[in-house]
Amino acid sequence: MVSYDVIIRPVITERSMAGAADKKYVFEVAPAAGKIEIKKAVEEIFSVKVAKVNTMIVPGKAKRMGAARPGRRKDWKKAIVQLTEDSKTIEFFEGMV
C-alpha cells in the first residue's frame, strides 16, 4: 500500500484536538492497514517520529434511509498516533487547537 492509501483523513473532533497538545493525533485509516503500516505512512507523509499506534474499529451507525427503511453507515478504522517527545508536531493540526 502507498502511504496516501493507508491514511484516509484526519479526524477533527473536540476530543481529538485535546489530544493534539500531548502529540496524539487521530486518523481514519484503511481497514486492512496494520499498526506498522500506519506508523510508516505517518512518518513518511508528515516527517515525524511515531512512538506508538493504537487502532480500533468504529462500528457504523444505524440510520434511516428514506421512509422507514433501516440502513447502516459503514464500519471504519481509527488510529491514534502518539509521537515521540523529541519529534516535531504535525502542522496540519496547529491552527485548529
PDB file of N, CA and C in Angstrom:
ATOM      1  N   MET A   1       0.836  -1.196   0.000  1.00  0.00           N
ATOM      2  CA  MET A   1       0.000   0.000   0.000  1.00  0.00           C
ATOM      3  C   MET A   1       0.875   1.251   0.000  1.00  0.00           C
ATOM      4  N   VAL A   2       0.427   2.248  -0.723  1.00  0.00           N
ATOM      5  CA  VAL A   2       1.094   3.544  -0.731  1.00  0.00           C
ATOM      6  C   VAL A   2       0.662   4.304   0.523  1.00  0.00           C
ATOM      7  N   SER A   3       1.511   5.174   1.037  1.00  0.00           N
ATOM      8  CA  SER A   3       1.223   5.889   2.284  1.00  0.00           C
ATOM      9  C   SER A   3      -0.100   6.644   2.231  1.00  0.00           C
ATOM     10  N   TYR A   4      -0.407   7.232   1.078  1.00  0.00           N
ATOM     11  CA  TYR A   4      -1.642   8.000   0.965  1.00  0.00           C
ATOM     12  C   TYR A   4      -2.875   7.111   0.830  1.00  0.00           C
ATOM     13  N   ASP A   5      -2.687   5.809   0.602  1.00  0.00           N
ATOM     14  CA  ASP A   5      -3.794   4.859   0.618  1.00  0.00           C
ATOM     15  C   ASP A   5      -4.075   4.378   2.039  1.00  0.00           C
ATOM     16  N   VAL A   6      -3.076   4.432   2.895  1.00  0.00           N
ATOM     17  CA  VAL A   6      -3.228   3.982   4.286  1.00  0.00           C
ATOM     18  C   VAL A   6      -3.963   5.039   5.108  1.00  0.00           C
ATOM     19  N   ILE A   7      -3.510   6.296   5.035  1.00  0.00           N
ATOM     20  CA  ILE A   7      -4.130   7.397   5.784  1.00  0.00           C
ATOM     21  C   ILE A   7      -5.226   7.995   4.911  1.00  0.00           C
ATOM     22  N   ILE A   8      -6.478   7.866   5.348  1.00  0.00           N
ATOM     23  CA  ILE A   8      -7.598   8.381   4.557  1.00  0.00           C
ATOM     24  C   ILE A   8      -7.860   9.850   4.869  1.00  0.00           C
ATOM     25  N   ARG A   9      -8.019  10.184   6.158  1.00  0.00           N
ATOM     26  CA  ARG A   9      -8.274  11.575   6.539  1.00  0.00           C
ATOM     27  C   ARG A   9      -8.004  11.753   8.023  1.00  0.00           C
ATOM     28  N   PRO A  10      -7.714  12.981   8.448  1.00  0.00           N
ATOM     29  CA  PRO A  10      -7.612  13.231   9.892  1.00  0.00           C
ATOM     30  C   PRO A  10      -9.013  13.321  10.500  1.00  0.00           C
ATOM     31  N   VAL A  11      -9.132  12.940  11.749  1.00  0.00           N
ATOM     32  CA  VAL A  11     -10.407  13.044  12.461  1.00  0.00           C
ATOM     33  C   VAL A  11     -10.347  14.315  13.294  1.00  0.00           C
ATOM     34  N   ILE A  12     -11.207  15.277  12.969  1.00  0.00           N
ATOM     35  CA  ILE A  12     -11.215  16.578  13.639  1.00  0.00           C
ATOM     36  C   ILE A  12     -12.435  16.640  14.558  1.00  0.00           C
ATOM     37  N   THR A  13     -12.218  16.368  15.836  1.00  0.00           N
ATOM     38  CA  THR A  13     -13.271  16.483  16.833  1.00  0.00           C
ATOM     39  C   THR A  13     -12.704  17.218  18.035  1.00  0.00           C
ATOM     40  N   GLU A  14     -13.557  17.613  18.934  1.00  0.00           N
ATOM     41  CA  GLU A  14     -13.112  18.315  20.137  1.00  0.00           C
ATOM     42  C   GLU A  14     -12.178  17.428  20.968  1.00  0.00           C
ATOM     43  N   ARG A  15     -12.518  16.160  21.051  1.00  0.00           N
ATOM     44  CA  ARG A  15     -11.708  15.222  21.833  1.00  0.00           C
ATOM     45  C   ARG A  15     -10.350  14.960  21.180  1.00  0.00           C
ATOM     46  N   SER A  16     -10.327  14.820  19.850  1.00  0.00           N
ATOM     47  CA  SER A  16      -9.050  14.564  19.185  1.00  0.00           C
ATOM     48  C   SER A  16      -8.147  15.798  19.213  1.00  0.00           C
ATOM     49  N   MET A  17      -8.729  16.986  19.208  1.00  0.00           N
ATOM     50  CA  MET A  17      -7.922  18.212  19.281  1.00  0.00           C
ATOM     51  C   MET A  17      -7.317  18.383  20.680  1.00  0.00           C
ATOM     52  N   ALA A  18      -7.998  17.890  21.705  1.00  0.00           N
ATOM     53  CA  ALA A  18      -7.447  17.948  23.063  1.00  0.00           C
ATOM     54  C   ALA A  18      -6.205  17.059  23.168  1.00  0.00           C
ATOM     55  N   GLY A  19      -6.183  15.958  22.442  1.00  0.00           N
ATOM     56  CA  GLY A  19      -5.027  15.068  22.442  1.00  0.00           C
ATOM     57  C   GLY A  19      -3.850  15.618  21.663  1.00  0.00           C
ATOM     58  N   ALA A  20      -4.093  16.566  20.764  1.00  0.00           N
ATOM     59  CA  ALA A  20      -3.013  17.136  19.952  1.00  0.00           C
ATOM     60  C   ALA A  20      -1.999  17.882  20.816  1.00  0.00           C
ATOM     61  N   ALA A  21      -2.417  18.372  21.970  1.00  0.00           N
ATOM     62  CA  ALA A  21      -1.488  19.046  22.883  1.00  0.00           C
ATOM     63  C   ALA A  21      -0.454  18.065  23.434  1.00  0.00           C
ATOM     64  N   ASP A  22      -0.812  16.791  23.548  1.00  0.00           N
ATOM     65  CA  ASP A  22       0.098  15.742  24.026  1.00  0.00           C
ATOM     66  C   ASP A  22       0.759  14.989  22.879  1.00  0.00           C
ATOM     67  N   LYS A  23       0.705  15.544  21.680  1.00  0.00           N
ATOM     68  CA  LYS A  23       1.248  14.934  20.455  1.00  0.00           C
ATOM     69  C   LYS A  23       0.558  13.617  20.124  1.00  0.00           C
ATOM     70  N   LYS A  24      -0.772  13.558  20.352  1.00  0.00           N
ATOM     71  CA  LYS A  24      -1.590  12.412  19.937  1.00  0.00           C
ATOM     72  C   LYS A  24      -2.515  12.898  18.835  1.00  0.00           C
ATOM     73  N   TYR A  25      -2.460  12.216  17.697  1.00  0.00           N
ATOM     74  CA  TYR A  25      -3.257  12.618  16.541  1.00  0.00           C
ATOM     75  C   TYR A  25      -4.111  11.446  16.094  1.00  0.00           C
ATOM     76  N   VAL A  26      -5.329  11.750  15.607  1.00  0.00           N
ATOM     77  CA  VAL A  26      -6.297  10.724  15.234  1.00  0.00           C
ATOM     78  C   VAL A  26      -6.529  10.777  13.731  1.00  0.00           C
ATOM     79  N   PHE A  27      -6.485   9.606  13.101  1.00  0.00           N
ATOM     80  CA  PHE A  27      -6.700   9.497  11.658  1.00  0.00           C
ATOM     81  C   PHE A  27      -7.679   8.377  11.348  1.00  0.00           C
ATOM     82  N   GLU A  28      -8.444   8.550  10.271  1.00  0.00           N
ATOM     83  CA  GLU A  28      -9.185   7.425   9.701  1.00  0.00           C
ATOM     84  C   GLU A  28      -8.216   6.728   8.772  1.00  0.00           C
ATOM     85  N   VAL A  29      -8.113   5.415   8.893  1.00  0.00           N
ATOM     86  CA  VAL A  29      -7.149   4.657   8.105  1.00  0.00           C
ATOM     87  C   VAL A  29      -7.858   3.541   7.341  1.00  0.00           C
ATOM     88  N   ALA A  30      -7.144   2.948   6.395  1.00  0.00           N
ATOM     89  CA  ALA A  30      -7.681   1.835   5.615  1.00  0.00           C
ATOM     90  C   ALA A  30      -7.950   0.650   6.535  1.00  0.00           C
ATOM     91  N   PRO A  31      -9.072  -0.035   6.356  1.00  0.00           N
ATOM     92  CA  PRO A  31      -9.407  -1.157   7.249  1.00  0.00           C
ATOM     93  C   PRO A  31      -8.380  -2.285   7.228  1.00  0.00           C
ATOM     94  N   ALA A  32      -7.678  -2.464   6.134  1.00  0.00           N
ATOM     95  CA  ALA A  32      -6.706  -3.549   6.028  1.00  0.00           C
ATOM     96  C   ALA A  32      -5.323  -3.157   6.546  1.00  0.00           C
ATOM     97  N   ALA A  33      -5.133  -1.903   6.919  1.00  0.00           N
ATOM     98  CA  ALA A  33      -3.815  -1.418   7.349  1.00  0.00           C
ATOM     99  C   ALA A  33      -3.506  -1.885   8.768  1.00  0.00           C
ATOM    100  N   GLY A  34      -2.264  -2.306   8.986  1.00  0.00           N
ATOM    101  CA  GLY A  34      -1.793  -2.712  10.309  1.00  0.00           C
ATOM    102  C   GLY A  34      -1.083  -1.557  10.985  1.00  0.00           C
ATOM    103  N   LYS A  35      -0.711  -1.761  12.243  1.00  0.00           N
ATOM    104  CA  LYS A  35      -0.063  -0.704  13.021  1.00  0.00           C
ATOM    105  C   LYS A  35       1.279  -0.294  12.420  1.00  0.00           C
ATOM    106  N   ILE A  36       2.038  -1.250  11.925  1.00  0.00           N
ATOM    107  CA  ILE A  36       3.355  -0.949  11.352  1.00  0.00           C
ATOM    108  C   ILE A  36       3.201  -0.126  10.074  1.00  0.00           C
ATOM    109  N   GLU A  37       2.219  -0.495   9.234  1.00  0.00           N
ATOM    110  CA  GLU A  37       1.966   0.269   8.005  1.00  0.00           C
ATOM    111  C   GLU A  37       1.522   1.690   8.322  1.00  0.00           C
ATOM    112  N   ILE A  38       0.679   1.843   9.338  1.00  0.00           N
ATOM    113  CA  ILE A  38       0.194   3.172   9.733  1.00  0.00           C
ATOM    114  C   ILE A  38       1.358   4.015  10.235  1.00  0.00           C
ATOM    115  N   LYS A  39       2.227   3.419  11.054  1.00  0.00           N
ATOM    116  CA  LYS A  39       3.393   4.128  11.587  1.00  0.00           C
ATOM    117  C   LYS A  39       4.291   4.620  10.454  1.00  0.00           C
ATOM    118  N   LYS A  40       4.601   3.758   9.509  1.00  0.00           N
ATOM    119  CA  LYS A  40       5.462   4.133   8.383  1.00  0.00           C
ATOM    120  C   LYS A  40       4.812   5.220   7.531  1.00  0.00           C
ATOM    121  N   ALA A  41       3.501   5.128   7.308  1.00  0.00           N
ATOM    122  CA  ALA A  41       2.802   6.116   6.484  1.00  0.00           C
ATOM    123  C   ALA A  41       2.820   7.493   7.134  1.00  0.00           C
ATOM    124  N   VAL A  42       2.560   7.572   8.440  1.00  0.00           N
ATOM    125  CA  VAL A  42       2.558   8.856   9.146  1.00  0.00           C
ATOM    126  C   VAL A  42       3.967   9.451   9.156  1.00  0.00           C
ATOM    127  N   GLU A  43       4.973   8.622   9.403  1.00  0.00           N
ATOM    128  CA  GLU A  43       6.356   9.114   9.408  1.00  0.00           C
ATOM    129  C   GLU A  43       6.771   9.634   8.036  1.00  0.00           C
ATOM    130  N   GLU A  44       6.327   8.954   6.967  1.00  0.00           N
ATOM    131  CA  GLU A  44       6.680   9.367   5.612  1.00  0.00           C
ATOM    132  C   GLU A  44       5.947  10.637   5.187  1.00  0.00           C
ATOM    133  N   ILE A  45       4.657  10.722   5.455  1.00  0.00           N
ATOM    134  CA  ILE A  45       3.851  11.862   4.998  1.00  0.00           C
ATOM    135  C   ILE A  45       4.186  13.135   5.766  1.00  0.00           C
ATOM    136  N   PHE A  46       4.292  13.044   7.099  1.00  0.00           N
ATOM    137  CA  PHE A  46       4.445  14.238   7.930  1.00  0.00           C
ATOM    138  C   PHE A  46       5.870  14.479   8.431  1.00  0.00           C
ATOM    139  N   SER A  47       6.816  13.608   8.129  1.00  0.00           N
ATOM    140  CA  SER A  47       8.220  13.724   8.553  1.00  0.00           C
ATOM    141  C   SER A  47       8.347  13.875  10.070  1.00  0.00           C
ATOM    142  N   VAL A  48       7.747  12.945  10.801  1.00  0.00           N
ATOM    143  CA  VAL A  48       7.787  12.931  12.268  1.00  0.00           C
ATOM    144  C   VAL A  48       8.223  11.548  12.735  1.00  0.00           C
ATOM    145  N   LYS A  49       8.487  11.414  14.051  1.00  0.00           N
ATOM    146  CA  LYS A  49       8.813  10.117  14.645  1.00  0.00           C
ATOM    147  C   LYS A  49       7.619   9.639  15.463  1.00  0.00           C
ATOM    148  N   VAL A  50       7.167   8.424  15.205  1.00  0.00           N
ATOM    149  CA  VAL A  50       5.999   7.870  15.885  1.00  0.00           C
ATOM    150  C   VAL A  50       6.470   6.947  17.009  1.00  0.00           C
ATOM    151  N   ALA A  51       5.925   7.151  18.219  1.00  0.00           N
ATOM    152  CA  ALA A  51       6.258   6.303  19.368  1.00  0.00           C
ATOM    153  C   ALA A  51       5.374   5.058  19.382  1.00  0.00           C
ATOM    154  N   LYS A  52       4.055   5.238  19.242  1.00  0.00           N
ATOM    155  CA  LYS A  52       3.157   4.085  19.236  1.00  0.00           C
ATOM    156  C   LYS A  52       1.876   4.411  18.497  1.00  0.00           C
ATOM    157  N   VAL A  53       1.164   3.343  18.118  1.00  0.00           N
ATOM    158  CA  VAL A  53      -0.085   3.464  17.366  1.00  0.00           C
ATOM    159  C   VAL A  53      -1.133   2.576  18.029  1.00  0.00           C
ATOM    160  N   ASN A  54      -2.289   3.135  18.303  1.00  0.00           N
ATOM    161  CA  ASN A  54      -3.437   2.365  18.786  1.00  0.00           C
ATOM    162  C   ASN A  54      -4.495   2.392  17.697  1.00  0.00           C
ATOM    163  N   THR A  55      -5.107   1.241  17.418  1.00  0.00           N
ATOM    164  CA  THR A  55      -6.149   1.183  16.392  1.00  0.00           C
ATOM    165  C   THR A  55      -7.433   0.629  16.978  1.00  0.00           C
ATOM    166  N   MET A  56      -8.534   0.976  16.345  1.00  0.00           N
ATOM    167  CA  MET A  56      -9.835   0.435  16.742  1.00  0.00           C
ATOM    168  C   MET A  56     -10.790   0.490  15.568  1.00  0.00           C
ATOM    169  N   ILE A  57     -11.735  -0.435  15.553  1.00  0.00           N
ATOM    170  CA  ILE A  57     -12.781  -0.461  14.543  1.00  0.00           C
ATOM    171  C   ILE A  57     -13.977   0.292  15.123  1.00  0.00           C
ATOM    172  N   VAL A  58     -14.448   1.301  14.400  1.00  0.00           N
ATOM    173  CA  VAL A  58     -15.601   2.083  14.839  1.00  0.00           C
ATOM    174  C   VAL A  58     -16.825   1.541  14.101  1.00  0.00           C
ATOM    175  N   PRO A  59     -17.806   0.990  14.813  1.00  0.00           N
ATOM    176  CA  PRO A  59     -18.976   0.432  14.124  1.00  0.00           C
ATOM    177  C   PRO A  59     -19.834   1.536  13.518  1.00  0.00           C
ATOM    178  N   GLY A  60     -20.413   1.250  12.358  1.00  0.00           N
ATOM    179  CA  GLY A  60     -21.269   2.214  11.681  1.00  0.00           C
ATOM    180  C   GLY A  60     -22.584   2.404  12.411  1.00  0.00           C
ATOM    181  N   LYS A  61     -23.112   3.613  12.317  1.00  0.00           N
ATOM    182  CA  LYS A  61     -24.376   3.916  12.992  1.00  0.00           C
ATOM    183  C   LYS A  61     -25.560   3.393  12.181  1.00  0.00           C
ATOM    184  N   ALA A  62     -26.626   3.037  12.877  1.00  0.00           N
ATOM    185  CA  ALA A  62     -27.882   2.679  12.213  1.00  0.00           C
ATOM    186  C   ALA A  62     -28.577   3.972  11.816  1.00  0.00           C
ATOM    187  N   LYS A  63     -28.965   4.081  10.568  1.00  0.00           N
ATOM    188  CA  LYS A  63     -29.625   5.283  10.056  1.00  0.00           C
ATOM    189  C   LYS A  63     -30.848   4.888   9.257  1.00  0.00           C
ATOM    190  N   ARG A  64     -31.780   5.820   9.141  1.00  0.00           N
ATOM    191  CA  ARG A  64     -32.943   5.601   8.282  1.00  0.00           C
ATOM    192  C   ARG A  64     -32.623   6.111   6.896  1.00  0.00           C
ATOM    193  N   MET A  65     -32.949   5.316   5.900  1.00  0.00           N
ATOM    194  CA  MET A  65     -32.724   5.688   4.509  1.00  0.00           C
ATOM    195  C   MET A  65     -34.093   5.908   3.856  1.00  0.00           C
ATOM    196  N   GLY A  66     -34.658   7.083   4.035  1.00  0.00           N
ATOM    197  CA  GLY A  66     -35.984   7.347   3.483  1.00  0.00           C
ATOM    198  C   GLY A  66     -37.064   6.941   4.465  1.00  0.00           C
ATOM    199  N   ALA A  67     -38.232   6.608   3.935  1.00  0.00           N
ATOM    200  CA  ALA A  67     -39.393   6.324   4.776  1.00  0.00           C
ATOM    201  C   ALA A  67     -39.274   4.942   5.410  1.00  0.00           C
ATOM    202  N   ALA A  68     -38.826   4.913   6.643  1.00  0.00           N
ATOM    203  CA  ALA A  68     -38.780   3.717   7.482  1.00  0.00           C
ATOM    204  C   ALA A  68     -37.932   2.593   6.906  1.00  0.00           C
ATOM    205  N   ARG A  69     -36.957   2.910   6.058  1.00  0.00           N
ATOM    206  CA  ARG A  69     -36.052   1.877   5.557  1.00  0.00           C
ATOM    207  C   ARG A  69     -34.804   1.875   6.442  1.00  0.00           C
ATOM    208  N   PRO A  70     -34.576   0.802   7.155  1.00  0.00           N
ATOM    209  CA  PRO A  70     -33.385   0.773   8.004  1.00  0.00           C
ATOM    210  C   PRO A  70     -32.115   0.586   7.164  1.00  0.00           C
ATOM    211  N   GLY A  71     -31.058   1.217   7.614  1.00  0.00           N
ATOM    212  CA  GLY A  71     -29.783   1.086   6.927  1.00  0.00           C
ATOM    213  C   GLY A  71     -28.662   1.320   7.919  1.00  0.00           C
ATOM    214  N   ARG A  72     -27.442   1.158   7.464  1.00  0.00           N
ATOM    215  CA  ARG A  72     -26.286   1.360   8.326  1.00  0.00           C
ATOM    216  C   ARG A  72     -25.215   2.110   7.569  1.00  0.00           C
ATOM    217  N   ARG A  73     -24.486   2.940   8.300  1.00  0.00           N
ATOM    218  CA  ARG A  73     -23.268   3.510   7.744  1.00  0.00           C
ATOM    219  C   ARG A  73     -22.191   2.439   7.835  1.00  0.00           C
ATOM    220  N   LYS A  74     -21.135   2.600   7.056  1.00  0.00           N
ATOM    221  CA  LYS A  74     -20.086   1.573   7.046  1.00  0.00           C
ATOM    222  C   LYS A  74     -19.228   1.650   8.309  1.00  0.00           C
ATOM    223  N   ASP A  75     -18.668   0.502   8.688  1.00  0.00           N
ATOM    224  CA  ASP A  75     -17.683   0.461   9.764  1.00  0.00           C
ATOM    225  C   ASP A  75     -16.385   1.062   9.236  1.00  0.00           C
ATOM    226  N   TRP A  76     -15.601   1.693  10.125  1.00  0.00           N
ATOM    227  CA  TRP A  76     -14.328   2.275   9.704  1.00  0.00           C
ATOM    228  C   TRP A  76     -13.290   2.094  10.791  1.00  0.00           C
ATOM    229  N   LYS A  77     -12.030   2.231  10.396  1.00  0.00           N
ATOM    230  CA  LYS A  77     -10.928   2.002  11.316  1.00  0.00           C
ATOM    231  C   LYS A  77     -10.290   3.328  11.694  1.00  0.00           C
ATOM    232  N   LYS A  78     -10.026   3.487  12.978  1.00  0.00           N
ATOM    233  CA  LYS A  78      -9.446   4.716  13.514  1.00  0.00           C
ATOM    234  C   LYS A  78      -8.100   4.389  14.134  1.00  0.00           C
ATOM    235  N   ALA A  79      -7.124   5.279  13.931  1.00  0.00           N
ATOM    236  CA  ALA A  79      -5.797   5.102  14.521  1.00  0.00           C
ATOM    237  C   ALA A  79      -5.443   6.336  15.340  1.00  0.00           C
ATOM    238  N   ILE A  80      -4.980   6.113  16.577  1.00  0.00           N
ATOM    239  CA  ILE A  80      -4.479   7.184  17.426  1.00  0.00           C
ATOM    240  C   ILE A  80      -2.965   7.050  17.428  1.00  0.00           C
ATOM    241  N   VAL A  81      -2.287   8.069  16.915  1.00  0.00           N
ATOM    242  CA  VAL A  81      -0.841   8.025  16.728  1.00  0.00           C
ATOM    243  C   VAL A  81      -0.180   8.911  17.779  1.00  0.00           C
ATOM    244  N   GLN A  82       0.714   8.332  18.589  1.00  0.00           N
ATOM    245  CA  GLN A  82       1.468   9.073  19.615  1.00  0.00           C
ATOM    246  C   GLN A  82       2.867   9.333  19.077  1.00  0.00           C
ATOM    247  N   LEU A  83       3.270  10.611  19.018  1.00  0.00           N
ATOM    248  CA  LEU A  83       4.608  10.961  18.551  1.00  0.00           C
ATOM    249  C   LEU A  83       5.603  10.919  19.706  1.00  0.00           C
ATOM    250  N   THR A  84       6.881  10.808  19.381  1.00  0.00           N
ATOM    251  CA  THR A  84       7.919  10.806  20.413  1.00  0.00           C
ATOM    252  C   THR A  84       8.080  12.214  20.979  1.00  0.00           C
ATOM    253  N   GLU A  85       8.727  12.309  22.152  1.00  0.00           N
ATOM    254  CA  GLU A  85       8.930  13.607  22.818  1.00  0.00           C
ATOM    255  C   GLU A  85       9.766  14.564  21.974  1.00  0.00           C
ATOM    256  N   ASP A  86      10.801  14.033  21.295  1.00  0.00           N
ATOM    257  CA  ASP A  86      11.691  14.907  20.524  1.00  0.00           C
ATOM    258  C   ASP A  86      11.205  15.162  19.100  1.00  0.00           C
ATOM    259  N   SER A  87      10.077  14.598  18.720  1.00  0.00           N
ATOM    260  CA  SER A  87       9.545  14.789  17.374  1.00  0.00           C
ATOM    261  C   SER A  87       8.854  16.147  17.255  1.00  0.00           C
ATOM    262  N   LYS A  88       8.867  16.702  16.045  1.00  0.00           N
ATOM    263  CA  LYS A  88       8.125  17.946  15.823  1.00  0.00           C
ATOM    264  C   LYS A  88       6.636  17.634  15.715  1.00  0.00           C
ATOM    265  N   THR A  89       5.794  18.648  15.839  1.00  0.00           N
ATOM    266  CA  THR A  89       4.351  18.441  15.758  1.00  0.00           C
ATOM    267  C   THR A  89       3.908  18.387  14.303  1.00  0.00           C
ATOM    268  N   ILE A  90       2.681  17.921  14.080  1.00  0.00           N
ATOM    269  CA  ILE A  90       2.112  17.900  12.735  1.00  0.00           C
ATOM    270  C   ILE A  90       1.441  19.247  12.511  1.00  0.00           C
ATOM    271  N   GLU A  91       1.939  20.008  11.535  1.00  0.00           N
ATOM    272  CA  GLU A  91       1.487  21.383  11.346  1.00  0.00           C
ATOM    273  C   GLU A  91       0.040  21.487  10.889  1.00  0.00           C
ATOM    274  N   PHE A  92      -0.493  20.428  10.280  1.00  0.00           N
ATOM    275  CA  PHE A  92      -1.877  20.444   9.816  1.00  0.00           C
ATOM    276  C   PHE A  92      -2.846  20.721  10.961  1.00  0.00           C
ATOM    277  N   PHE A  93      -2.545  20.231  12.156  1.00  0.00           N
ATOM    278  CA  PHE A  93      -3.427  20.365  13.311  1.00  0.00           C
ATOM    279  C   PHE A  93      -3.191  21.650  14.098  1.00  0.00           C
ATOM    280  N   GLU A  94      -2.129  22.405  13.788  1.00  0.00           N
ATOM    281  CA  GLU A  94      -1.730  23.550  14.613  1.00  0.00           C
ATOM    282  C   GLU A  94      -2.793  24.632  14.710  1.00  0.00           C
ATOM    283  N   GLY A  95      -3.381  25.062  13.627  1.00  0.00           N
ATOM    284  CA  GLY A  95      -4.346  26.155  13.656  1.00  0.00           C
ATOM    285  C   GLY A  95      -5.696  25.786  14.225  1.00  0.00           C
ATOM    286  N   MET A  96      -5.921  24.497  14.457  1.00  0.00           N
ATOM    287  CA  MET A  96      -7.243  24.029  14.905  1.00  0.00           C
ATOM    288  C   MET A  96      -7.346  23.896  16.408  1.00  0.00           C
ATOM    289  N   VAL A  97      -6.219  23.928  17.108  1.00  0.00           N
ATOM    290  CA  VAL A  97      -6.240  23.728  18.560  1.00  0.00           C
ATOM    291  C   VAL A  97      -6.631  25.015  19.251  1.00  0.00           C
TER     292      VAL A  97
END
